[in-house]
Amino acid sequence: MGQKLEAAEAGEEGIGLDDPVIITTVLTAINAVYMLFVSVQFSYLFGAWDGILPENSTYADYARSGFLELILVTSINFAILLLSLLAVRKAGGILKRVIQLLLYILVLCSMVMLYSAYSRLTLYEEAYGYTYIRFLVHAFMIFLGLLLVLAAVRISREPFPLLKCYIVLGLLSYVLMNYIGMDHIIAKQNIQRYEASGTLDAGYLAGLSADVVPELIGFSKQEKGILDEALRSRLSERAQPKQSWPSFNLANHRERRALAEYFAGEVTQK
């Protein structure tokens, strides 16, 4: 009796998400749903680039609808993909090749959904401008896409050091985000959007970091003082008595000096 119980428990422990048969069944069902969804909704997912929108929808409605859901589904797919890689090791022969094929299909469907979400956010930015949050979400989607690509490489190459690659990619992404100059990119994109559409959020643009102030001053000069009011308000907020050296910030110092020189005669530099 004891031996039968132990055997039953061993059998239960052996059946899980890393079981080749179970994971094959799960992947088949998921891929069938995704492929049907993508085929039916393809025009909805990508139609806005060709001017095809759902009835009674604006670009903003289209961009927002389903965006978070697409990101969530892609993240879930990524988790399923990682769990399924464990089953590839245990499978053999035809079953192993079937699982690998199903995983490639899962990666492809995930990339399609991720690209759709990326496109929606791009449309939203073109309509409403570029911000920190939207920039970071774009960066996250690119990062998630790279994770999927590395996982796809691991599907057919078991010796591939996936964990080490993820760690390296994470570190490189962190360094890149700190040195890419996010404020400069946001300012540049918003200025280009203004040149194309004539729409500008002067308050948000003037609220970017001190590093982009010279660029904003040059843009304001070029556009006959379009940012002067916002920049003048920024100068009055930044004006302060001379600080001690421990609190000195070079970027803020250059910002105050540039603004004071731009508004020379209106503001006395302190």
Protein backbone atom coordinates (compact mmCIF):
# COMPACT_ATOMS: atom_id res chain seq x y z
CA MET A 1 0.00 0.00 0.00
CA GLY A 2 2.81 2.36 0.94
CA GLN A 3 4.67 1.54 -2.27
CA LYS A 4 1.56 2.28 -4.36
CA LEU A 5 1.07 5.62 -2.59
CA GLU A 6 4.70 6.58 -3.19
CA ALA A 7 4.39 5.61 -6.84
CA ALA A 8 1.24 7.68 -7.20
CA GLU A 9 2.88 10.69 -5.57
CA ALA A 10 5.90 10.30 -7.82
CA GLY A 11 3.61 10.19 -10.83
CA GLU A 12 1.81 13.36 -9.73
CA GLU A 13 5.10 15.16 -9.19
CA GLY A 14 6.25 14.15 -12.64
CA ILE A 15 3.29 15.79 -14.34
CA GLY A 16 3.59 19.54 -14.64
CA LEU A 17 4.19 22.44 -16.96
CA ASP A 18 7.51 20.93 -17.98
CA ASP A 19 5.84 17.70 -19.16
CA PRO A 20 6.26 17.50 -22.99
CA VAL A 21 2.77 16.13 -23.68
CA ILE A 22 1.02 18.71 -21.47
CA ILE A 23 3.03 21.63 -22.82
CA THR A 24 2.35 20.47 -26.40
CA THR A 25 -1.37 20.46 -25.72
CA VAL A 26 -1.25 23.90 -24.06
CA LEU A 27 0.86 25.44 -26.84
CA THR A 28 -1.38 23.99 -29.55
CA ALA A 29 -4.49 25.50 -27.97
CA ILE A 30 -2.86 28.89 -27.33
CA ASN A 31 -1.36 29.13 -30.82
CA ALA A 32 -4.66 28.18 -32.44
CA VAL A 33 -6.42 31.01 -30.60
CA TYR A 34 -3.67 33.53 -31.37
CA MET A 35 -3.44 32.67 -35.06
CA LEU A 36 -7.20 32.91 -35.41
CA PHE A 37 -7.22 36.23 -33.56
CA VAL A 38 -4.39 37.71 -35.65
CA SER A 39 -5.92 36.56 -38.95
CA VAL A 40 -9.36 37.94 -38.09
CA GLN A 41 -8.12 41.17 -36.45
CA PHE A 42 -5.18 41.91 -38.76
CA SER A 43 -6.83 44.91 -40.40
CA TYR A 44 -7.83 46.24 -36.96
CA LEU A 45 -4.35 45.73 -35.50
CA PHE A 46 -2.51 47.52 -38.31
CA GLY A 47 -5.17 49.31 -40.36
CA ALA A 48 -4.58 52.78 -38.91
CA TRP A 49 -1.34 53.19 -40.85
CA ASP A 50 -3.42 52.92 -44.04
CA GLY A 51 -6.12 55.21 -42.69
CA ILE A 52 -8.47 52.32 -41.88
CA LEU A 53 -10.02 52.81 -38.44
CA PRO A 54 -12.88 51.01 -36.69
CA GLU A 55 -16.22 52.74 -37.12
CA ASN A 56 -16.75 55.79 -34.86
CA SER A 57 -13.14 55.62 -33.59
CA THR A 58 -10.50 58.34 -33.49
CA TYR A 59 -6.76 57.76 -33.59
CA ALA A 60 -6.65 58.32 -29.84
CA ASP A 61 -9.39 55.74 -29.21
CA TYR A 62 -7.67 53.28 -31.51
CA ALA A 63 -4.28 53.81 -29.89
CA ARG A 64 -5.60 53.33 -26.35
CA SER A 65 -7.95 50.43 -27.01
CA GLY A 66 -6.38 47.11 -26.21
CA PHE A 67 -2.89 48.57 -25.69
CA LEU A 68 -2.43 47.36 -22.12
CA GLU A 69 -4.08 44.06 -22.99
CA LEU A 70 -1.61 43.48 -25.82
CA ILE A 71 1.34 44.19 -23.52
CA LEU A 72 -0.10 41.91 -20.83
CA VAL A 73 -0.72 39.07 -23.28
CA THR A 74 2.79 39.40 -24.69
CA SER A 75 4.26 39.26 -21.18
CA ILE A 76 2.20 36.14 -20.38
CA ASN A 77 3.37 34.55 -23.63
CA PHE A 78 6.95 35.27 -22.62
CA ALA A 79 6.43 33.48 -19.30
CA ILE A 80 4.84 30.51 -21.08
CA LEU A 81 7.76 30.44 -23.50
CA LEU A 82 10.31 30.25 -20.70
CA LEU A 83 8.40 27.45 -18.96
CA SER A 84 8.06 25.57 -22.23
CA LEU A 85 11.81 25.58 -22.77
CA LEU A 86 12.04 23.15 -19.84
CA ALA A 87 9.83 20.70 -21.71
CA VAL A 88 12.07 20.76 -24.79
CA ARG A 89 14.85 19.15 -22.77
CA LYS A 90 12.66 16.24 -21.71
CA ALA A 91 11.09 15.66 -25.12
CA GLY A 92 12.70 13.63 -27.86
CA GLY A 93 12.28 12.79 -31.51
CA ILE A 94 9.21 14.11 -33.31
CA LEU A 95 7.63 15.48 -30.10
CA LYS A 96 10.64 17.71 -29.52
CA ARG A 97 10.46 19.15 -33.02
CA VAL A 98 6.71 19.72 -32.62
CA ILE A 99 7.26 21.65 -29.39
CA GLN A 100 9.98 23.74 -31.01
CA LEU A 101 7.70 24.57 -33.94
CA LEU A 102 4.88 25.54 -31.58
CA LEU A 103 7.26 27.75 -29.61
CA TYR A 104 8.37 29.54 -32.77
CA ILE A 105 4.73 30.16 -33.65
CA LEU A 106 4.16 31.51 -30.14
CA VAL A 107 7.13 33.87 -30.52
CA LEU A 108 5.85 35.04 -33.91
CA CYS A 109 2.34 35.74 -32.58
CA SER A 110 3.84 37.55 -29.58
CA MET A 111 5.98 39.72 -31.85
CA VAL A 112 2.95 40.60 -33.99
CA MET A 113 1.00 41.68 -30.89
CA LEU A 114 3.97 43.58 -29.53
CA TYR A 115 4.46 45.40 -32.82
CA SER A 116 0.77 46.27 -32.89
CA ALA A 117 1.03 47.78 -29.40
CA TYR A 118 4.17 49.66 -30.44
CA SER A 119 2.39 51.04 -33.49
CA ARG A 120 -0.60 52.15 -31.42
CA LEU A 121 1.61 54.07 -29.03
CA THR A 122 3.41 55.71 -31.95
CA LEU A 123 0.08 56.89 -33.34
CA TYR A 124 -0.91 58.20 -29.92
CA GLU A 125 2.37 60.12 -29.64
CA GLU A 126 1.85 61.67 -33.04
CA ALA A 127 -1.58 62.83 -31.91
CA TYR A 128 -0.75 64.00 -28.37
CA GLY A 129 3.01 64.44 -28.18
CA TYR A 130 5.95 62.70 -26.54
CA THR A 131 6.39 62.30 -22.79
CA TYR A 132 8.62 60.45 -20.33
CA ILE A 133 6.08 57.69 -19.71
CA ARG A 134 5.44 57.08 -23.41
CA PHE A 135 9.17 57.01 -24.11
CA LEU A 136 9.77 54.50 -21.31
CA VAL A 137 6.91 52.29 -22.50
CA HIS A 138 8.42 52.30 -25.99
CA ALA A 139 11.77 51.30 -24.49
CA PHE A 140 10.13 48.51 -22.47
CA MET A 141 8.48 47.08 -25.58
CA ILE A 142 11.79 47.06 -27.45
CA PHE A 143 13.39 45.36 -24.44
CA LEU A 144 10.61 42.75 -24.33
CA GLY A 145 11.02 42.15 -28.05
CA LEU A 146 14.75 41.50 -27.59
CA LEU A 147 13.96 39.07 -24.77
CA LEU A 148 11.66 37.18 -27.13
CA VAL A 149 14.33 37.07 -29.84
CA LEU A 150 16.89 35.62 -27.42
CA ALA A 151 14.35 33.06 -26.24
CA ALA A 152 13.70 32.12 -29.88
CA VAL A 153 17.41 31.45 -30.33
CA ARG A 154 17.34 29.21 -27.26
CA ILE A 155 14.47 27.09 -28.64
CA SER A 156 16.66 25.15 -31.07
CA ARG A 157 20.03 25.70 -29.40
CA GLU A 158 19.97 24.18 -25.95
CA PRO A 159 23.57 25.17 -25.06
CA PHE A 160 22.67 28.83 -25.63
CA PRO A 161 23.32 30.72 -22.31
CA LEU A 162 19.91 32.38 -22.09
CA LEU A 163 20.17 33.54 -18.47
CA LYS A 164 23.59 35.12 -19.00
CA CYS A 165 22.35 36.89 -22.12
CA TYR A 166 19.35 38.23 -20.20
CA ILE A 167 21.60 39.57 -17.46
CA VAL A 168 23.92 41.25 -19.99
CA LEU A 169 20.96 42.68 -21.91
CA GLY A 170 19.44 44.00 -18.68
CA LEU A 171 22.67 45.75 -17.66
CA LEU A 172 23.25 47.19 -21.13
CA SER A 173 19.65 48.44 -21.26
CA TYR A 174 20.01 50.11 -17.85
CA VAL A 175 23.22 51.89 -18.90
CA LEU A 176 21.74 52.89 -22.25
CA MET A 177 18.62 54.39 -20.68
CA ASN A 178 20.80 56.48 -18.39
CA TYR A 179 23.00 57.85 -21.17
CA ILE A 180 20.72 57.95 -24.21
CA GLY A 181 19.55 61.49 -23.46
CA MET A 182 15.84 60.90 -23.04
CA ASP A 183 15.01 64.59 -22.59
CA HIS A 184 16.81 65.52 -25.82
CA ILE A 185 14.91 62.85 -27.75
CA ILE A 186 11.55 63.95 -26.32
CA ALA A 187 12.30 67.60 -27.09
CA LYS A 188 13.40 66.78 -30.63
CA GLN A 189 10.34 64.65 -31.35
CA ASN A 190 7.94 67.28 -29.98
CA ILE A 191 9.62 69.98 -32.05
CA GLN A 192 9.35 67.83 -35.18
CA ARG A 193 5.69 67.18 -34.36
CA TYR A 194 5.13 70.94 -34.09
CA GLU A 195 6.77 71.52 -37.48
CA ALA A 196 4.50 68.89 -39.02
CA SER A 197 1.21 69.67 -37.27
CA GLY A 198 1.57 73.12 -35.68
CA THR A 199 0.61 71.69 -32.27
CA LEU A 200 2.87 72.15 -29.25
CA ASP A 201 2.61 71.62 -25.50
CA ALA A 202 4.86 74.50 -24.50
CA GLY A 203 4.40 73.91 -20.77
CA TYR A 204 5.53 70.28 -20.92
CA LEU A 205 8.41 71.06 -23.27
CA ALA A 206 9.68 73.83 -21.01
CA GLY A 207 9.47 71.45 -18.04
CA LEU A 208 12.12 69.05 -19.34
CA SER A 209 15.52 68.77 -17.70
CA ALA A 210 18.09 71.56 -17.62
CA ASP A 211 20.19 69.83 -20.28
CA VAL A 212 17.75 70.71 -23.08
CA VAL A 213 17.30 74.40 -22.22
CA PRO A 214 19.82 75.62 -24.85
CA GLU A 215 17.94 73.59 -27.46
CA LEU A 216 14.61 75.05 -26.31
CA ILE A 217 16.00 78.59 -26.43
CA GLY A 218 17.19 78.04 -29.99
CA PHE A 219 13.79 76.68 -30.99
CA SER A 220 11.99 79.60 -29.34
CA LYS A 221 14.21 82.09 -31.20
CA GLN A 222 13.50 80.33 -34.47
CA GLU A 223 9.75 80.34 -33.86
CA LYS A 224 9.51 84.00 -32.78
CA GLY A 225 9.36 83.41 -29.04
CA ILE A 226 6.87 80.55 -28.92
CA LEU A 227 8.38 79.26 -25.67
CA ASP A 228 9.37 82.61 -24.17
CA GLU A 229 6.55 82.74 -21.65
CA ALA A 230 7.19 79.21 -20.41
CA LEU A 231 10.96 79.77 -20.32
CA ARG A 232 10.54 83.07 -18.47
CA SER A 233 8.42 81.29 -15.88
CA ARG A 234 11.09 78.63 -15.60
CA LEU A 235 13.77 81.25 -15.01
CA SER A 236 11.79 82.85 -12.19
CA GLU A 237 11.35 79.43 -10.58
CA ARG A 238 15.04 78.60 -10.90
CA ALA A 239 16.29 81.97 -9.66
CA GLN A 240 17.79 81.58 -6.21
CA PRO A 241 20.53 83.08 -4.02
CA LYS A 242 24.08 81.87 -4.41
CA GLN A 243 24.41 78.36 -3.06
CA SER A 244 27.22 76.66 -1.22
CA TRP A 245 29.46 74.37 -3.29
CA PRO A 246 28.01 71.04 -1.98
CA SER A 247 24.65 71.91 -3.57
CA PHE A 248 26.15 73.20 -6.84
CA ASN A 249 24.82 71.57 -10.01
CA LEU A 250 26.57 72.30 -13.30
CA ALA A 251 23.53 71.63 -15.50
CA ASN A 252 21.32 73.92 -13.41
CA HIS A 253 24.03 76.59 -13.41
CA ARG A 254 24.28 76.50 -17.21
CA GLU A 255 20.50 76.57 -17.45
CA ARG A 256 20.17 79.71 -15.31
CA ARG A 257 22.98 81.42 -17.16
CA ALA A 258 21.52 80.59 -20.59
CA LEU A 259 18.04 81.79 -19.59
CA ALA A 260 19.42 84.95 -18.00
CA GLU A 261 21.39 85.77 -21.14
CA TYR A 262 18.36 85.07 -23.32
CA PHE A 263 16.17 87.38 -21.26
CA ALA A 264 18.90 89.97 -20.69
CA GLY A 265 17.35 93.29 -19.74
CA GLU A 266 14.20 91.62 -18.35
CA VAL A 267 15.74 89.61 -15.50
CA THR A 268 18.71 90.44 -13.37
CA GLN A 269 20.83 87.35 -12.82
CA LYS A 270 21.27 86.64 -9.17
